[in-house]
Each structure stands twice: as C-alpha cells, then as structure tokens.
Amino acid sequence: MTRPPTAAQRRVIDTADPVTGRLRGTEAQLAALVGRGLAFRHPRPPHDCFLTPAGHRIREAAPEPPPAAEAAQEAAGAGGVFAARVGGEEEPAVGPSRAREVHSAWQGLLELRRMTNPDGAADRPCGWERTHLVRAAALALEAAGHRPAGPDGDGYRVRATPQPDAVAVRGPDGGTLRACAATLEGAGWQVGEHTDPRTRDRYLLASPRRV
C-alpha cells in the first residue's frame, strides 16, 4: 500500500467486527477497500466484506492524522459522511445536531476553498464544488438557513441540469427564489432567473463563479 486510507475508509476499518473483521459501510467505501487489498468480498450471499490481513494491520496500527485538505473535504461532506439536503428527501434530518453538522460542513468547505483555490480565496467555489454542483449549492443554501422542501412541503429543491456547469434551484414562490439567489451569489455563484417554457414556473440557474 502506497498511501494510507482516507479518513472515511479508516472509520470503516476501525468499526469492523473485532472477531470476524466484517465491515459495514457504503458500497463505494467497501469497493475502495477491496480495490486496495484491505478487504475481500465473501463469495457467498449476501457477499459481505471482511478485512484482509493487511486491513487488520491497518486497524491495529495507530491512525495517522489526515492531510489538512482531506480533513476539510471530509467536513465539507466529500467523504460520504455528511450530505446536504437538496430538497424532497423522504426523511429529512432536523434539530440542533443537524444544525451543527451543517455549520461544520460549511466551515470545512470554506477551508477547502482556501487550501485548494490557487489564490487562497474563500469567496469563490473550489474544484470539489465544480464536480459536485448539486451538493455544493445545497450546502450553501442549507448553511444559510433556507428550508429544503420536504416530501410534500414547500422549500428549495436543487437539481442537476443538462448543462454540465449549472444547477437548477426551484422554490414555491418568488420570494424564496430571490432569497436563494442572494445566498448563492454571496457564496460565489453566478445566478440567473428563468422561466420554464412548459410549466411557466420561475426557477434559478446557478453556476460556480470562476473569477
């Protein structure tokens, strides 16, 4: 192994069953560990994953602190631990603990901007945001206190668009759209208001500002 596991992968390794080495995690995390030779998939259903001898050695070794950029990326939700609400979730997370998670994720994203933008700017989206447009825009909105739409309720909804560098933000009324536009512009996004030619509904089209 040429590099240590990521913070998210390390958490999966650390929480493995102490006797069998059975792992629990997202399919992407498990597949990554298998690909790195730290886990293997049992050939019989349900095809659970277990630590290999190399994975056990990682688990028994003292963990190394992750690089600063990786730590910030984890806090921003890039490691599969936190996910900003895009609107329309079946079981939305609410309460003080959610507010703390959102605040921590937003601060982590600002730190990621400072560390990865060439000029160290925190007022402009970084590379991770440009490859995770929906999650990045949703995090900016949720961190600013906007209410995501519930399964049957009003609120913002962030969705991908056919344009590779833009997302659509929809809301129940013009006031919601204007407030979301102001937040995204303050977070370094370019925002324009448009009309859906089929439904005549107004919506925002937002893309990360480059300069």
C-alpha atoms as a PDB file:
ATOM      1  CA  MET A   1       0.000   0.000   0.000  1.00  0.00           C
ATOM      2  CA  THR A   2       1.486   3.323  -1.068  1.00  0.00           C
ATOM      3  CA  ARG A   3      -0.799   5.676   0.836  1.00  0.00           C
ATOM      4  CA  PRO A   4      -2.873   5.461   3.990  1.00  0.00           C
ATOM      5  CA  PRO A   5      -6.651   5.025   3.811  1.00  0.00           C
ATOM      6  CA  THR A   6      -8.825   8.107   3.785  1.00  0.00           C
ATOM      7  CA  ALA A   7     -10.499   9.280   6.966  1.00  0.00           C
ATOM      8  CA  ALA A   8     -13.810   7.744   5.860  1.00  0.00           C
ATOM      9  CA  GLN A   9     -12.138   4.438   4.974  1.00  0.00           C
ATOM     10  CA  ARG A  10     -10.300   4.461   8.290  1.00  0.00           C
ATOM     11  CA  ARG A  11     -13.598   4.807  10.143  1.00  0.00           C
ATOM     12  CA  VAL A  12     -14.978   1.776   8.307  1.00  0.00           C
ATOM     13  CA  ILE A  13     -11.868  -0.209   9.200  1.00  0.00           C
ATOM     14  CA  ASP A  14     -11.936   0.884  12.839  1.00  0.00           C
ATOM     15  CA  THR A  15     -15.577  -0.172  13.264  1.00  0.00           C
ATOM     16  CA  ALA A  16     -15.061  -3.648  11.795  1.00  0.00           C
ATOM     17  CA  ASP A  17     -16.209  -6.580  13.903  1.00  0.00           C
ATOM     18  CA  PRO A  18     -13.309  -7.225  16.324  1.00  0.00           C
ATOM     19  CA  VAL A  19     -13.541 -11.003  15.860  1.00  0.00           C
ATOM     20  CA  THR A  20     -14.569 -11.646  12.263  1.00  0.00           C
ATOM     21  CA  GLY A  21     -13.378  -8.407  10.656  1.00  0.00           C
ATOM     22  CA  ARG A  22     -16.768  -7.941   8.990  1.00  0.00           C
ATOM     23  CA  LEU A  23     -17.154  -4.423   7.590  1.00  0.00           C
ATOM     24  CA  ARG A  24     -20.075  -2.042   7.395  1.00  0.00           C
ATOM     25  CA  GLY A  25     -20.047   0.989   5.116  1.00  0.00           C
ATOM     26  CA  THR A  26     -21.311   2.393   1.861  1.00  0.00           C
ATOM     27  CA  GLU A  27     -20.868   0.303  -1.265  1.00  0.00           C
ATOM     28  CA  ALA A  28     -18.325   2.831  -2.561  1.00  0.00           C
ATOM     29  CA  GLN A  29     -16.274   2.657   0.645  1.00  0.00           C
ATOM     30  CA  LEU A  30     -16.294  -1.144   0.672  1.00  0.00           C
ATOM     31  CA  ALA A  31     -15.389  -1.343  -3.007  1.00  0.00           C
ATOM     32  CA  ALA A  32     -12.484   1.050  -2.447  1.00  0.00           C
ATOM     33  CA  LEU A  33     -11.150  -1.063   0.422  1.00  0.00           C
ATOM     34  CA  VAL A  34     -11.455  -4.212  -1.678  1.00  0.00           C
ATOM     35  CA  GLY A  35      -9.650  -2.489  -4.535  1.00  0.00           C
ATOM     36  CA  ARG A  36      -6.783  -1.539  -2.234  1.00  0.00           C
ATOM     37  CA  GLY A  37      -6.436  -5.063  -0.865  1.00  0.00           C
ATOM     38  CA  LEU A  38      -7.603  -4.096   2.620  1.00  0.00           C
ATOM     39  CA  ALA A  39     -10.830  -6.088   2.391  1.00  0.00           C
ATOM     40  CA  PHE A  40     -12.283  -9.016   0.480  1.00  0.00           C
ATOM     41  CA  ARG A  41     -15.844  -9.852  -0.512  1.00  0.00           C
ATOM     42  CA  HIS A  42     -17.200 -13.230   0.598  1.00  0.00           C
ATOM     43  CA  PRO A  43     -18.164 -15.341  -2.441  1.00  0.00           C
ATOM     44  CA  ARG A  44     -21.462 -16.469  -0.907  1.00  0.00           C
ATOM     45  CA  PRO A  45     -24.552 -14.271  -0.486  1.00  0.00           C
ATOM     46  CA  PRO A  46     -25.001 -11.717   0.975  1.00  0.00           C
ATOM     47  CA  HIS A  47     -21.370 -11.149  -0.146  1.00  0.00           C
ATOM     48  CA  ASP A  48     -20.302  -9.281   2.984  1.00  0.00           C
ATOM     49  CA  CYS A  49     -16.873  -7.673   3.120  1.00  0.00           C
ATOM     50  CA  PHE A  50     -14.183  -8.635   5.621  1.00  0.00           C
ATOM     51  CA  LEU A  51     -10.766  -7.259   6.455  1.00  0.00           C
ATOM     52  CA  THR A  52      -7.757  -8.889   4.859  1.00  0.00           C
ATOM     53  CA  PRO A  53      -4.547  -9.376   6.906  1.00  0.00           C
ATOM     54  CA  ALA A  54      -3.379  -6.018   5.546  1.00  0.00           C
ATOM     55  CA  GLY A  55      -6.656  -4.445   6.678  1.00  0.00           C
ATOM     56  CA  HIS A  56      -6.255  -5.942  10.141  1.00  0.00           C
ATOM     57  CA  ARG A  57      -2.754  -4.451  10.360  1.00  0.00           C
ATOM     58  CA  ILE A  58      -4.167  -1.029   9.477  1.00  0.00           C
ATOM     59  CA  ARG A  59      -6.839  -1.455  12.163  1.00  0.00           C
ATOM     60  CA  GLU A  60      -4.278  -2.377  14.807  1.00  0.00           C
ATOM     61  CA  ALA A  61      -1.889   0.436  13.892  1.00  0.00           C
ATOM     62  CA  ALA A  62      -2.193   3.915  15.387  1.00  0.00           C
ATOM     63  CA  PRO A  63      -4.132   6.099  12.940  1.00  0.00           C
ATOM     64  CA  GLU A  64      -2.251   8.861  11.168  1.00  0.00           C
ATOM     65  CA  PRO A  65      -3.851  12.321  11.068  1.00  0.00           C
ATOM     66  CA  PRO A  66      -5.262  13.015   7.584  1.00  0.00           C
ATOM     67  CA  PRO A  67      -3.822  15.811   5.459  1.00  0.00           C
ATOM     68  CA  ALA A  68      -5.424  19.182   6.070  1.00  0.00           C
ATOM     69  CA  ALA A  69      -7.116  19.250   2.674  1.00  0.00           C
ATOM     70  CA  GLU A  70      -8.603  15.810   3.228  1.00  0.00           C
ATOM     71  CA  ALA A  71      -9.862  16.777   6.672  1.00  0.00           C
ATOM     72  CA  ALA A  72     -11.558  19.835   5.239  1.00  0.00           C
ATOM     73  CA  GLN A  73     -13.028  17.761   2.434  1.00  0.00           C
ATOM     74  CA  GLU A  74     -14.452  15.304   4.970  1.00  0.00           C
ATOM     75  CA  ALA A  75     -16.021  18.179   6.907  1.00  0.00           C
ATOM     76  CA  ALA A  76     -17.493  19.539   3.693  1.00  0.00           C
ATOM     77  CA  GLY A  77     -19.220  16.246   3.071  1.00  0.00           C
ATOM     78  CA  ALA A  78     -16.949  14.950   0.325  1.00  0.00           C
ATOM     79  CA  GLY A  79     -16.197  11.697   2.117  1.00  0.00           C
ATOM     80  CA  GLY A  80     -19.669  10.226   2.151  1.00  0.00           C
ATOM     81  CA  VAL A  81     -20.351  11.026   5.817  1.00  0.00           C
ATOM     82  CA  PHE A  82     -22.434  14.201   5.503  1.00  0.00           C
ATOM     83  CA  ALA A  83     -24.846  15.108   2.731  1.00  0.00           C
ATOM     84  CA  ALA A  84     -26.531  18.473   2.325  1.00  0.00           C
ATOM     85  CA  ARG A  85     -30.287  18.403   1.819  1.00  0.00           C
ATOM     86  CA  VAL A  86     -31.198  19.048  -1.814  1.00  0.00           C
ATOM     87  CA  GLY A  87     -34.948  19.119  -1.117  1.00  0.00           C
ATOM     88  CA  GLY A  88     -37.539  16.379  -1.375  1.00  0.00           C
ATOM     89  CA  GLU A  89     -35.889  13.884   0.993  1.00  0.00           C
ATOM     90  CA  GLU A  90     -38.237  11.287   2.451  1.00  0.00           C
ATOM     91  CA  GLU A  91     -36.823  11.506   5.980  1.00  0.00           C
ATOM     92  CA  PRO A  92     -35.177  14.920   6.382  1.00  0.00           C
ATOM     93  CA  ALA A  93     -32.755  15.354   9.266  1.00  0.00           C
ATOM     94  CA  VAL A  94     -33.709  18.201  11.608  1.00  0.00           C
ATOM     95  CA  GLY A  95     -32.823  19.530  15.043  1.00  0.00           C
ATOM     96  CA  PRO A  96     -29.796  21.027  16.821  1.00  0.00           C
ATOM     97  CA  SER A  97     -27.472  18.173  15.839  1.00  0.00           C
ATOM     98  CA  ARG A  98     -28.277  18.707  12.166  1.00  0.00           C
ATOM     99  CA  ALA A  99     -27.614  22.423  12.510  1.00  0.00           C
ATOM    100  CA  ARG A 100     -24.193  21.685  13.993  1.00  0.00           C
ATOM    101  CA  GLU A 101     -23.395  19.237  11.181  1.00  0.00           C
ATOM    102  CA  VAL A 102     -24.370  21.776   8.531  1.00  0.00           C
ATOM    103  CA  HIS A 103     -22.308  24.525  10.180  1.00  0.00           C
ATOM    104  CA  SER A 104     -19.271  22.240  10.434  1.00  0.00           C
ATOM    105  CA  ALA A 105     -19.646  21.140   6.808  1.00  0.00           C
ATOM    106  CA  TRP A 106     -19.856  24.739   5.582  1.00  0.00           C
ATOM    107  CA  GLN A 107     -16.788  25.782   7.568  1.00  0.00           C
ATOM    108  CA  GLY A 108     -14.960  22.758   6.178  1.00  0.00           C
ATOM    109  CA  LEU A 109     -15.913  23.768   2.662  1.00  0.00           C
ATOM    110  CA  LEU A 110     -14.621  27.305   3.200  1.00  0.00           C
ATOM    111  CA  GLU A 111     -11.344  25.847   4.447  1.00  0.00           C
ATOM    112  CA  LEU A 112     -11.206  23.577   1.405  1.00  0.00           C
ATOM    113  CA  ARG A 113     -11.611  26.658  -0.788  1.00  0.00           C
ATOM    114  CA  ARG A 114      -8.741  28.427   0.982  1.00  0.00           C
ATOM    115  CA  MET A 115      -6.456  25.427   0.589  1.00  0.00           C
ATOM    116  CA  THR A 116      -7.278  24.437  -2.996  1.00  0.00           C
ATOM    117  CA  ASN A 117      -8.051  27.684  -4.851  1.00  0.00           C
ATOM    118  CA  PRO A 118      -4.789  28.917  -6.403  1.00  0.00           C
ATOM    119  CA  ASP A 119      -5.132  32.354  -4.802  1.00  0.00           C
ATOM    120  CA  GLY A 120      -6.441  31.010  -1.483  1.00  0.00           C
ATOM    121  CA  ALA A 121      -9.810  32.716  -1.988  1.00  0.00           C
ATOM    122  CA  ALA A 122     -12.664  31.502   0.206  1.00  0.00           C
ATOM    123  CA  ASP A 123     -15.340  33.564  -1.555  1.00  0.00           C
ATOM    124  CA  ARG A 124     -15.215  31.524  -4.760  1.00  0.00           C
ATOM    125  CA  PRO A 125     -16.163  27.844  -5.316  1.00  0.00           C
ATOM    126  CA  CYS A 126     -13.322  25.354  -5.499  1.00  0.00           C
ATOM    127  CA  GLY A 127     -12.691  22.322  -7.687  1.00  0.00           C
ATOM    128  CA  TRP A 128     -14.657  19.933  -5.479  1.00  0.00           C
ATOM    129  CA  GLU A 129     -17.744  22.131  -5.772  1.00  0.00           C
ATOM    130  CA  ARG A 130     -17.445  22.210  -9.567  1.00  0.00           C
ATOM    131  CA  THR A 131     -17.584  18.409  -9.665  1.00  0.00           C
ATOM    132  CA  HIS A 132     -20.377  18.166  -7.034  1.00  0.00           C
ATOM    133  CA  LEU A 133     -22.620  21.033  -8.131  1.00  0.00           C
ATOM    134  CA  VAL A 134     -25.900  19.904  -6.566  1.00  0.00           C
ATOM    135  CA  ARG A 135     -24.379  19.052  -3.186  1.00  0.00           C
ATOM    136  CA  ALA A 136     -22.327  22.252  -3.121  1.00  0.00           C
ATOM    137  CA  ALA A 137     -25.243  24.545  -3.937  1.00  0.00           C
ATOM    138  CA  ALA A 138     -27.492  22.726  -1.473  1.00  0.00           C
ATOM    139  CA  LEU A 139     -24.899  23.091   1.287  1.00  0.00           C
ATOM    140  CA  ALA A 140     -24.638  26.846   0.676  1.00  0.00           C
ATOM    141  CA  LEU A 141     -28.419  27.164   0.936  1.00  0.00           C
ATOM    142  CA  GLU A 142     -28.866  24.927   3.973  1.00  0.00           C
ATOM    143  CA  ALA A 143     -25.959  26.578   5.801  1.00  0.00           C
ATOM    144  CA  ALA A 144     -27.597  29.977   5.266  1.00  0.00           C
ATOM    145  CA  GLY A 145     -30.793  28.769   6.940  1.00  0.00           C
ATOM    146  CA  HIS A 146     -33.002  28.204   3.909  1.00  0.00           C
ATOM    147  CA  ARG A 147     -35.572  25.450   4.332  1.00  0.00           C
ATOM    148  CA  PRO A 148     -35.292  22.459   1.984  1.00  0.00           C
ATOM    149  CA  ALA A 149     -38.514  21.060   0.582  1.00  0.00           C
ATOM    150  CA  GLY A 150     -39.919  18.071   2.425  1.00  0.00           C
ATOM    151  CA  PRO A 151     -41.716  15.181   0.702  1.00  0.00           C
ATOM    152  CA  ASP A 152     -44.918  17.231   0.458  1.00  0.00           C
ATOM    153  CA  GLY A 153     -43.871  20.640   1.742  1.00  0.00           C
ATOM    154  CA  ASP A 154     -42.563  23.924   0.435  1.00  0.00           C
ATOM    155  CA  GLY A 155     -38.903  24.860   0.287  1.00  0.00           C
ATOM    156  CA  TYR A 156     -35.996  24.865  -2.111  1.00  0.00           C
ATOM    157  CA  ARG A 157     -35.094  21.988  -4.428  1.00  0.00           C
ATOM    158  CA  VAL A 158     -31.668  21.770  -6.087  1.00  0.00           C
ATOM    159  CA  ARG A 159     -31.408  19.578  -9.171  1.00  0.00           C
ATOM    160  CA  ALA A 160     -28.890  18.809 -11.910  1.00  0.00           C
ATOM    161  CA  THR A 161     -29.433  20.235 -15.386  1.00  0.00           C
ATOM    162  CA  PRO A 162     -28.327  19.240 -18.901  1.00  0.00           C
ATOM    163  CA  GLN A 163     -25.716  21.982 -18.614  1.00  0.00           C
ATOM    164  CA  PRO A 164     -22.543  20.468 -17.146  1.00  0.00           C
ATOM    165  CA  ASP A 165     -21.674  23.534 -15.050  1.00  0.00           C
ATOM    166  CA  ALA A 166     -25.079  24.618 -13.699  1.00  0.00           C
ATOM    167  CA  VAL A 167     -27.811  23.518 -11.322  1.00  0.00           C
ATOM    168  CA  ALA A 168     -31.482  24.470 -11.149  1.00  0.00           C
ATOM    169  CA  VAL A 169     -32.974  25.788  -7.919  1.00  0.00           C
ATOM    170  CA  ARG A 170     -36.741  25.805  -7.599  1.00  0.00           C
ATOM    171  CA  GLY A 171     -38.948  27.219  -4.875  1.00  0.00           C
ATOM    172  CA  PRO A 172     -42.615  27.712  -4.030  1.00  0.00           C
ATOM    173  CA  ASP A 173     -42.636  31.446  -4.735  1.00  0.00           C
ATOM    174  CA  GLY A 174     -40.648  34.402  -5.990  1.00  0.00           C
ATOM    175  CA  GLY A 175     -39.582  35.439  -2.503  1.00  0.00           C
ATOM    176  CA  THR A 176     -37.928  32.074  -1.877  1.00  0.00           C
ATOM    177  CA  LEU A 177     -36.145  32.229  -5.218  1.00  0.00           C
ATOM    178  CA  ARG A 178     -34.851  35.748  -4.611  1.00  0.00           C
ATOM    179  CA  ALA A 179     -33.575  34.809  -1.150  1.00  0.00           C
ATOM    180  CA  CYS A 180     -31.849  31.706  -2.527  1.00  0.00           C
ATOM    181  CA  ALA A 181     -30.318  33.758  -5.337  1.00  0.00           C
ATOM    182  CA  ALA A 182     -28.875  36.264  -2.866  1.00  0.00           C
ATOM    183  CA  THR A 183     -27.353  33.459  -0.785  1.00  0.00           C
ATOM    184  CA  LEU A 184     -25.784  31.709  -3.762  1.00  0.00           C
ATOM    185  CA  GLU A 185     -24.381  34.967  -5.157  1.00  0.00           C
ATOM    186  CA  GLY A 186     -22.847  35.682  -1.758  1.00  0.00           C
ATOM    187  CA  ALA A 187     -21.333  32.196  -1.784  1.00  0.00           C
ATOM    188  CA  GLY A 188     -19.598  32.813  -5.102  1.00  0.00           C
ATOM    189  CA  TRP A 189     -22.149  31.529  -7.615  1.00  0.00           C
ATOM    190  CA  GLN A 190     -23.470  33.233 -10.754  1.00  0.00           C
ATOM    191  CA  VAL A 191     -27.260  33.170 -10.676  1.00  0.00           C
ATOM    192  CA  GLY A 192     -29.958  33.993 -13.200  1.00  0.00           C
ATOM    193  CA  GLU A 193     -33.739  33.654 -13.001  1.00  0.00           C
ATOM    194  CA  HIS A 194     -35.521  31.847 -15.828  1.00  0.00           C
ATOM    195  CA  THR A 195     -38.969  30.632 -16.837  1.00  0.00           C
ATOM    196  CA  ASP A 196     -39.713  27.005 -17.657  1.00  0.00           C
ATOM    197  CA  PRO A 197     -41.236  27.117 -21.171  1.00  0.00           C
ATOM    198  CA  ARG A 198     -43.544  24.179 -20.429  1.00  0.00           C
ATOM    199  CA  THR A 199     -44.858  24.964 -16.942  1.00  0.00           C
ATOM    200  CA  ARG A 200     -44.169  28.726 -16.893  1.00  0.00           C
ATOM    201  CA  ASP A 201     -42.664  28.246 -13.411  1.00  0.00           C
ATOM    202  CA  ARG A 202     -39.790  30.502 -12.437  1.00  0.00           C
ATOM    203  CA  TYR A 203     -36.506  28.922 -11.357  1.00  0.00           C
ATOM    204  CA  LEU A 204     -32.847  29.797 -10.788  1.00  0.00           C
ATOM    205  CA  LEU A 205     -29.930  28.613 -12.885  1.00  0.00           C
ATOM    206  CA  ALA A 206     -26.703  28.793 -10.852  1.00  0.00           C
ATOM    207  CA  SER A 207     -23.091  28.033 -11.741  1.00  0.00           C
ATOM    208  CA  PRO A 208     -19.841  28.482  -9.774  1.00  0.00           C
ATOM    209  CA  ARG A 209     -18.113  31.799 -10.381  1.00  0.00           C
ATOM    210  CA  ARG A 210     -14.577  31.406 -11.717  1.00  0.00           C
ATOM    211  CA  VAL A 211     -13.156  34.900 -11.052  1.00  0.00           C
END
